[in-house]
């Protein structure tokens, strides 16, 4: 089981779970996680050399008994409520890269929304903005 997580770790857990929920982590999803960690202000003080270790810790946790529930609880308990919408947005961002959201991914988003007590309107806005960003001409 993972020890005490920091904010960065919890946000990375969300992205790793979003990538792995369909039983495969595509190169484009992994690349997007790296890009987000490098680009977003919330990760400014994160040591990028820890990304692989944090990702592996998440994978280990989720693969264990009741791992998904434990990971979701850990994420909720670690993050400040003001970052709940960011966590959801990061999950959507990673899922949107492949331009097709699978039923397993939708289920994870529902679980994340419920666990973080996010309202449906906020989630719909986040999802709609991802659709707009990844639309092709």
N, C-alpha and C. Protein backbone atom coordinates (compact mmCIF):
# COMPACT_ATOMS: atom_id res chain seq x y z
N UNK A 1 0.84 -1.19 0.00
CA UNK A 1 0.00 0.00 0.00
C UNK A 1 0.88 1.25 0.00
N UNK A 2 0.40 2.24 -0.68
CA UNK A 2 1.15 3.49 -0.75
C UNK A 2 1.12 4.18 0.61
N UNK A 3 2.21 4.82 0.94
CA UNK A 3 2.25 5.59 2.18
C UNK A 3 1.50 6.89 1.99
N UNK A 4 1.83 7.87 2.81
CA UNK A 4 1.19 9.18 2.71
C UNK A 4 1.58 9.83 1.38
N UNK A 5 0.57 10.21 0.63
CA UNK A 5 0.80 10.85 -0.65
C UNK A 5 0.81 12.36 -0.49
N UNK A 6 1.51 13.00 -1.40
CA UNK A 6 1.44 14.44 -1.52
C UNK A 6 0.47 14.81 -2.63
N UNK A 7 0.19 16.07 -2.76
CA UNK A 7 -0.73 16.57 -3.77
C UNK A 7 -0.33 16.13 -5.17
N UNK A 8 0.95 16.29 -5.50
CA UNK A 8 1.42 15.91 -6.83
C UNK A 8 1.17 14.43 -7.09
N UNK A 9 1.50 13.62 -6.09
CA UNK A 9 1.33 12.17 -6.23
C UNK A 9 -0.14 11.84 -6.50
N UNK A 10 -1.04 12.44 -5.75
CA UNK A 10 -2.47 12.16 -5.92
C UNK A 10 -2.95 12.54 -7.32
N UNK A 11 -2.49 13.67 -7.83
CA UNK A 11 -2.88 14.08 -9.18
C UNK A 11 -2.31 13.14 -10.23
N UNK A 12 -1.10 12.67 -10.02
CA UNK A 12 -0.51 11.71 -10.94
C UNK A 12 -1.26 10.38 -10.87
N UNK A 13 -1.66 9.98 -9.67
CA UNK A 13 -2.46 8.76 -9.53
C UNK A 13 -3.72 8.86 -10.40
N UNK A 14 -4.38 10.00 -10.39
CA UNK A 14 -5.59 10.18 -11.20
C UNK A 14 -5.26 9.96 -12.67
N UNK A 15 -4.18 10.56 -13.14
CA UNK A 15 -3.82 10.42 -14.55
C UNK A 15 -3.44 8.99 -14.91
N UNK A 16 -2.70 8.33 -14.05
CA UNK A 16 -2.30 6.94 -14.31
C UNK A 16 -3.53 6.04 -14.34
N UNK A 17 -4.43 6.25 -13.39
CA UNK A 17 -5.65 5.45 -13.38
C UNK A 17 -6.48 5.69 -14.64
N UNK A 18 -6.55 6.93 -15.09
CA UNK A 18 -7.30 7.26 -16.30
C UNK A 18 -6.68 6.57 -17.52
N UNK A 19 -5.39 6.47 -17.54
CA UNK A 19 -4.70 5.83 -18.65
C UNK A 19 -4.84 4.31 -18.59
N UNK A 20 -4.77 3.74 -17.41
CA UNK A 20 -4.71 2.28 -17.25
C UNK A 20 -6.07 1.61 -17.13
N UNK A 21 -7.14 2.35 -16.93
CA UNK A 21 -8.44 1.75 -16.64
C UNK A 21 -8.92 0.82 -17.76
N UNK A 22 -8.50 1.07 -18.99
CA UNK A 22 -8.91 0.21 -20.10
C UNK A 22 -7.90 -0.92 -20.34
N UNK A 23 -7.05 -1.18 -19.37
CA UNK A 23 -6.06 -2.27 -19.39
C UNK A 23 -4.91 -2.04 -20.36
N UNK A 24 -4.78 -0.83 -20.86
CA UNK A 24 -3.61 -0.53 -21.68
C UNK A 24 -3.28 0.95 -21.52
N UNK A 25 -1.99 1.22 -21.42
CA UNK A 25 -1.54 2.61 -21.31
C UNK A 25 -0.85 2.94 -22.64
N UNK A 26 -1.54 3.70 -23.47
CA UNK A 26 -0.99 4.02 -24.79
C UNK A 26 0.17 5.00 -24.67
N UNK A 27 1.02 4.98 -25.68
CA UNK A 27 2.14 5.91 -25.71
C UNK A 27 1.65 7.36 -25.70
N UNK A 28 0.54 7.62 -26.39
CA UNK A 28 0.03 8.99 -26.44
C UNK A 28 -0.47 9.42 -25.06
N UNK A 29 -1.07 8.49 -24.30
CA UNK A 29 -1.52 8.82 -22.95
C UNK A 29 -0.33 9.08 -22.03
N UNK A 30 0.66 8.22 -22.09
CA UNK A 30 1.85 8.40 -21.26
C UNK A 30 2.57 9.70 -21.60
N UNK A 31 2.65 10.00 -22.88
CA UNK A 31 3.27 11.24 -23.32
C UNK A 31 2.50 12.45 -22.78
N UNK A 32 1.16 12.36 -22.83
CA UNK A 32 0.34 13.47 -22.35
C UNK A 32 0.51 13.68 -20.85
N UNK A 33 0.62 12.59 -20.09
CA UNK A 33 0.86 12.73 -18.66
C UNK A 33 2.16 13.50 -18.43
N UNK A 34 3.21 13.12 -19.14
CA UNK A 34 4.50 13.82 -19.01
C UNK A 34 4.39 15.29 -19.39
N UNK A 35 3.65 15.58 -20.46
CA UNK A 35 3.47 16.97 -20.89
C UNK A 35 2.73 17.78 -19.84
N UNK A 36 1.69 17.19 -19.27
CA UNK A 36 0.91 17.90 -18.25
C UNK A 36 1.75 18.19 -17.01
N UNK A 37 2.55 17.22 -16.60
CA UNK A 37 3.41 17.41 -15.43
C UNK A 37 4.41 18.53 -15.69
N UNK A 38 4.90 18.62 -16.91
CA UNK A 38 5.87 19.67 -17.25
C UNK A 38 5.23 21.04 -17.41
N UNK A 39 3.97 21.08 -17.86
CA UNK A 39 3.38 22.35 -18.26
C UNK A 39 2.50 23.03 -17.20
N UNK A 40 1.85 22.26 -16.37
CA UNK A 40 0.86 22.86 -15.47
C UNK A 40 1.49 23.45 -14.22
N UNK A 41 1.05 24.64 -13.84
CA UNK A 41 1.61 25.31 -12.65
C UNK A 41 1.49 24.48 -11.37
N UNK A 42 0.47 23.64 -11.26
CA UNK A 42 0.30 22.86 -10.04
C UNK A 42 1.49 21.91 -9.81
N UNK A 43 2.21 21.58 -10.88
CA UNK A 43 3.35 20.67 -10.77
C UNK A 43 4.69 21.40 -10.73
N UNK A 44 4.68 22.72 -10.59
CA UNK A 44 5.93 23.49 -10.62
C UNK A 44 7.00 22.97 -9.67
N UNK A 45 6.64 22.56 -8.49
CA UNK A 45 7.65 22.11 -7.53
C UNK A 45 7.83 20.59 -7.51
N UNK A 46 7.23 19.89 -8.47
CA UNK A 46 7.35 18.43 -8.53
C UNK A 46 8.65 18.04 -9.21
N UNK A 47 9.35 17.08 -8.64
CA UNK A 47 10.58 16.53 -9.23
C UNK A 47 10.18 15.53 -10.30
N UNK A 48 10.30 15.91 -11.56
CA UNK A 48 9.89 15.07 -12.68
C UNK A 48 10.58 13.70 -12.69
N UNK A 49 11.72 13.59 -12.04
CA UNK A 49 12.41 12.30 -11.96
C UNK A 49 11.63 11.29 -11.13
N UNK A 50 10.64 11.76 -10.35
CA UNK A 50 9.82 10.87 -9.54
C UNK A 50 8.61 10.32 -10.28
N UNK A 51 8.36 10.80 -11.49
CA UNK A 51 7.14 10.46 -12.21
C UNK A 51 6.99 8.94 -12.38
N UNK A 52 8.02 8.26 -12.77
CA UNK A 52 7.93 6.81 -12.99
C UNK A 52 7.67 6.09 -11.67
N UNK A 53 8.36 6.48 -10.60
CA UNK A 53 8.15 5.84 -9.30
C UNK A 53 6.72 6.05 -8.78
N UNK A 54 6.20 7.26 -8.93
CA UNK A 54 4.85 7.55 -8.48
C UNK A 54 3.85 6.75 -9.32
N UNK A 55 4.08 6.69 -10.62
CA UNK A 55 3.20 5.93 -11.50
C UNK A 55 3.19 4.45 -11.15
N UNK A 56 4.36 3.91 -10.85
CA UNK A 56 4.47 2.50 -10.48
C UNK A 56 3.77 2.23 -9.15
N UNK A 57 3.91 3.15 -8.20
CA UNK A 57 3.23 2.99 -6.91
C UNK A 57 1.72 2.96 -7.10
N UNK A 58 1.21 3.79 -7.99
CA UNK A 58 -0.22 3.80 -8.29
C UNK A 58 -0.63 2.46 -8.91
N UNK A 59 0.12 2.00 -9.89
CA UNK A 59 -0.20 0.73 -10.54
C UNK A 59 -0.21 -0.41 -9.53
N UNK A 60 0.76 -0.41 -8.62
CA UNK A 60 0.82 -1.45 -7.58
C UNK A 60 -0.40 -1.39 -6.68
N UNK A 61 -0.80 -0.19 -6.28
CA UNK A 61 -1.94 -0.03 -5.40
C UNK A 61 -3.22 -0.50 -6.09
N UNK A 62 -3.43 -0.05 -7.30
CA UNK A 62 -4.67 -0.36 -8.02
C UNK A 62 -4.78 -1.84 -8.34
N UNK A 63 -3.67 -2.51 -8.53
CA UNK A 63 -3.71 -3.94 -8.88
C UNK A 63 -4.00 -4.83 -7.67
N UNK A 64 -3.96 -4.27 -6.48
CA UNK A 64 -4.22 -5.04 -5.27
C UNK A 64 -5.70 -5.18 -4.99
N UNK A 65 -6.05 -5.94 -3.93
CA UNK A 65 -7.45 -6.10 -3.57
C UNK A 65 -8.10 -4.75 -3.24
N UNK A 66 -9.25 -4.52 -3.85
CA UNK A 66 -9.99 -3.27 -3.67
C UNK A 66 -9.13 -2.04 -3.98
N UNK A 67 -8.16 -2.23 -4.86
CA UNK A 67 -7.20 -1.18 -5.17
C UNK A 67 -7.81 0.10 -5.71
N UNK A 68 -8.81 -0.04 -6.58
CA UNK A 68 -9.43 1.16 -7.16
C UNK A 68 -10.11 1.99 -6.07
N UNK A 69 -10.86 1.33 -5.20
CA UNK A 69 -11.53 2.06 -4.12
C UNK A 69 -10.53 2.71 -3.17
N UNK A 70 -9.47 1.98 -2.84
CA UNK A 70 -8.45 2.52 -1.95
C UNK A 70 -7.78 3.73 -2.60
N UNK A 71 -7.46 3.61 -3.90
CA UNK A 71 -6.82 4.72 -4.60
C UNK A 71 -7.73 5.95 -4.64
N UNK A 72 -9.01 5.74 -4.92
CA UNK A 72 -9.95 6.87 -4.97
C UNK A 72 -10.09 7.54 -3.60
N UNK A 73 -10.15 6.74 -2.55
CA UNK A 73 -10.22 7.30 -1.19
C UNK A 73 -8.96 8.08 -0.85
N UNK A 74 -7.82 7.51 -1.22
CA UNK A 74 -6.54 8.15 -0.95
C UNK A 74 -6.44 9.49 -1.68
N UNK A 75 -6.86 9.50 -2.93
CA UNK A 75 -6.84 10.73 -3.73
C UNK A 75 -7.73 11.79 -3.07
N UNK A 76 -8.97 11.39 -2.71
CA UNK A 76 -9.89 12.33 -2.08
C UNK A 76 -9.34 12.88 -0.77
N UNK A 77 -8.76 11.99 0.02
CA UNK A 77 -8.26 12.41 1.33
C UNK A 77 -6.99 13.25 1.23
N UNK A 78 -6.25 13.09 0.15
CA UNK A 78 -4.98 13.82 -0.02
C UNK A 78 -5.19 15.21 -0.59
N UNK A 79 -6.07 15.31 -1.57
CA UNK A 79 -6.24 16.58 -2.27
C UNK A 79 -7.08 17.57 -1.47
N UNK A 80 -6.72 18.81 -1.62
CA UNK A 80 -7.57 19.90 -1.12
C UNK A 80 -8.83 19.91 -1.99
N UNK A 81 -9.99 20.14 -1.41
CA UNK A 81 -11.22 20.19 -2.22
C UNK A 81 -11.14 21.16 -3.39
N UNK A 82 -10.34 22.20 -3.27
CA UNK A 82 -10.24 23.15 -4.38
C UNK A 82 -9.51 22.55 -5.59
N UNK A 83 -8.88 21.37 -5.42
CA UNK A 83 -8.22 20.70 -6.53
C UNK A 83 -9.02 19.52 -7.09
N UNK A 84 -10.20 19.29 -6.56
CA UNK A 84 -11.02 18.17 -7.03
C UNK A 84 -11.37 18.32 -8.51
N UNK A 85 -11.76 19.53 -8.93
CA UNK A 85 -12.09 19.71 -10.34
C UNK A 85 -10.86 19.56 -11.22
N UNK A 86 -9.69 19.93 -10.70
CA UNK A 86 -8.47 19.75 -11.47
C UNK A 86 -8.19 18.26 -11.66
N UNK A 87 -8.38 17.48 -10.61
CA UNK A 87 -8.16 16.04 -10.72
C UNK A 87 -9.06 15.45 -11.79
N UNK A 88 -10.31 15.86 -11.79
CA UNK A 88 -11.26 15.37 -12.80
C UNK A 88 -10.81 15.81 -14.19
N UNK A 89 -10.40 17.06 -14.31
CA UNK A 89 -9.94 17.58 -15.61
C UNK A 89 -8.71 16.82 -16.11
N UNK A 90 -7.80 16.46 -15.22
CA UNK A 90 -6.62 15.70 -15.63
C UNK A 90 -7.02 14.32 -16.14
N UNK A 91 -7.97 13.68 -15.47
CA UNK A 91 -8.44 12.37 -15.93
C UNK A 91 -9.05 12.49 -17.33
N UNK A 92 -9.89 13.49 -17.52
CA UNK A 92 -10.53 13.70 -18.83
C UNK A 92 -9.47 13.98 -19.89
N UNK A 93 -8.49 14.80 -19.55
CA UNK A 93 -7.44 15.16 -20.50
C UNK A 93 -6.68 13.93 -20.98
N UNK A 94 -6.33 13.04 -20.07
CA UNK A 94 -5.59 11.83 -20.44
C UNK A 94 -6.47 10.91 -21.29
N UNK A 95 -7.73 10.78 -20.92
CA UNK A 95 -8.63 9.91 -21.68
C UNK A 95 -8.91 10.45 -23.08
N UNK A 96 -8.96 11.76 -23.23
CA UNK A 96 -9.32 12.38 -24.50
C UNK A 96 -8.24 12.22 -25.57
N UNK A 97 -7.03 11.96 -25.15
CA UNK A 97 -5.92 11.86 -26.11
C UNK A 97 -6.19 10.82 -27.19
N UNK A 98 -6.79 9.70 -26.82
CA UNK A 98 -7.05 8.63 -27.78
C UNK A 98 -8.30 8.87 -28.63
N UNK A 99 -8.99 9.98 -28.39
CA UNK A 99 -10.15 10.41 -29.17
C UNK A 99 -11.32 9.44 -29.12
N UNK A 100 -11.32 8.52 -28.18
CA UNK A 100 -12.46 7.62 -27.98
C UNK A 100 -12.49 7.27 -26.50
N UNK A 101 -13.58 7.57 -25.85
CA UNK A 101 -13.69 7.27 -24.43
C UNK A 101 -14.48 5.97 -24.30
N UNK A 102 -13.85 4.97 -23.71
CA UNK A 102 -14.43 3.64 -23.57
C UNK A 102 -15.32 3.55 -22.33
N UNK A 103 -16.20 2.55 -22.29
CA UNK A 103 -17.09 2.39 -21.12
C UNK A 103 -16.34 2.32 -19.79
N UNK A 104 -15.19 1.68 -19.76
CA UNK A 104 -14.41 1.59 -18.52
C UNK A 104 -13.95 2.98 -18.06
N UNK A 105 -13.61 3.81 -19.04
CA UNK A 105 -13.16 5.16 -18.73
C UNK A 105 -14.33 6.01 -18.21
N UNK A 106 -15.48 5.84 -18.82
CA UNK A 106 -16.67 6.57 -18.36
C UNK A 106 -16.99 6.17 -16.93
N UNK A 107 -16.88 4.88 -16.64
CA UNK A 107 -17.16 4.40 -15.29
C UNK A 107 -16.18 5.01 -14.29
N UNK A 108 -14.90 5.09 -14.64
CA UNK A 108 -13.92 5.70 -13.74
C UNK A 108 -14.27 7.17 -13.50
N UNK A 109 -14.66 7.87 -14.55
CA UNK A 109 -15.05 9.28 -14.39
C UNK A 109 -16.24 9.40 -13.44
N UNK A 110 -17.20 8.49 -13.56
CA UNK A 110 -18.36 8.52 -12.65
C UNK A 110 -17.92 8.28 -11.21
N UNK A 111 -17.05 7.30 -11.02
CA UNK A 111 -16.56 7.01 -9.67
C UNK A 111 -15.79 8.20 -9.10
N UNK A 112 -14.96 8.82 -9.93
CA UNK A 112 -14.18 9.97 -9.50
C UNK A 112 -15.11 11.14 -9.15
N UNK A 113 -16.08 11.39 -10.02
CA UNK A 113 -17.04 12.47 -9.77
C UNK A 113 -17.77 12.26 -8.45
N UNK A 114 -18.23 11.03 -8.24
CA UNK A 114 -18.97 10.73 -7.02
C UNK A 114 -18.08 10.82 -5.78
N UNK A 115 -16.88 10.27 -5.86
CA UNK A 115 -15.98 10.25 -4.71
C UNK A 115 -15.55 11.66 -4.32
N UNK A 116 -15.39 12.53 -5.33
CA UNK A 116 -14.96 13.90 -5.06
C UNK A 116 -16.15 14.85 -4.91
N UNK A 117 -17.36 14.32 -4.96
CA UNK A 117 -18.58 15.12 -4.82
C UNK A 117 -18.62 16.31 -5.77
N UNK A 118 -18.26 16.05 -7.02
CA UNK A 118 -18.30 17.10 -8.03
C UNK A 118 -19.69 17.16 -8.65
N UNK A 119 -20.16 18.36 -8.94
CA UNK A 119 -21.48 18.48 -9.55
C UNK A 119 -21.42 18.15 -11.04
N UNK A 120 -22.53 17.69 -11.56
CA UNK A 120 -22.59 17.23 -12.95
C UNK A 120 -22.31 18.36 -13.95
N UNK A 121 -22.72 19.57 -13.63
CA UNK A 121 -22.50 20.69 -14.54
C UNK A 121 -21.01 20.99 -14.69
N UNK A 122 -20.29 20.98 -13.58
CA UNK A 122 -18.84 21.19 -13.64
C UNK A 122 -18.18 20.11 -14.48
N UNK A 123 -18.56 18.86 -14.24
CA UNK A 123 -17.97 17.75 -14.98
C UNK A 123 -18.30 17.83 -16.47
N UNK A 124 -19.53 18.19 -16.78
CA UNK A 124 -19.92 18.33 -18.19
C UNK A 124 -19.12 19.43 -18.88
N UNK A 125 -18.88 20.53 -18.19
CA UNK A 125 -18.09 21.62 -18.76
C UNK A 125 -16.65 21.16 -19.03
N UNK A 126 -16.08 20.43 -18.09
CA UNK A 126 -14.71 19.92 -18.26
C UNK A 126 -14.66 18.96 -19.45
N UNK A 127 -15.63 18.07 -19.53
CA UNK A 127 -15.67 17.10 -20.63
C UNK A 127 -15.86 17.80 -21.97
N UNK A 128 -16.74 18.78 -22.01
CA UNK A 128 -17.01 19.50 -23.26
C UNK A 128 -15.78 20.27 -23.73
N UNK A 129 -15.04 20.85 -22.80
CA UNK A 129 -13.84 21.59 -23.21
C UNK A 129 -12.79 20.64 -23.78
N UNK A 130 -12.71 19.42 -23.26
CA UNK A 130 -11.76 18.44 -23.81
C UNK A 130 -12.18 18.04 -25.23
N UNK A 131 -13.47 17.85 -25.43
CA UNK A 131 -13.96 17.52 -26.77
C UNK A 131 -13.57 18.62 -27.75
N UNK A 132 -13.75 19.85 -27.36
CA UNK A 132 -13.41 20.99 -28.23
C UNK A 132 -11.91 21.03 -28.52
N UNK A 133 -11.09 20.78 -27.50
CA UNK A 133 -9.63 20.84 -27.70
C UNK A 133 -9.11 19.76 -28.62
N UNK A 134 -9.71 18.60 -28.62
CA UNK A 134 -9.19 17.49 -29.41
C UNK A 134 -9.93 17.28 -30.73
N UNK A 135 -10.87 18.17 -31.06
CA UNK A 135 -11.60 18.04 -32.31
C UNK A 135 -10.69 18.32 -33.51
N UNK A 136 -10.87 17.53 -34.51
CA UNK A 136 -10.10 17.73 -35.75
C UNK A 136 -10.92 18.58 -36.72
N UNK A 137 -10.21 19.26 -37.59
CA UNK A 137 -10.89 20.13 -38.58
C UNK A 137 -11.62 19.30 -39.60
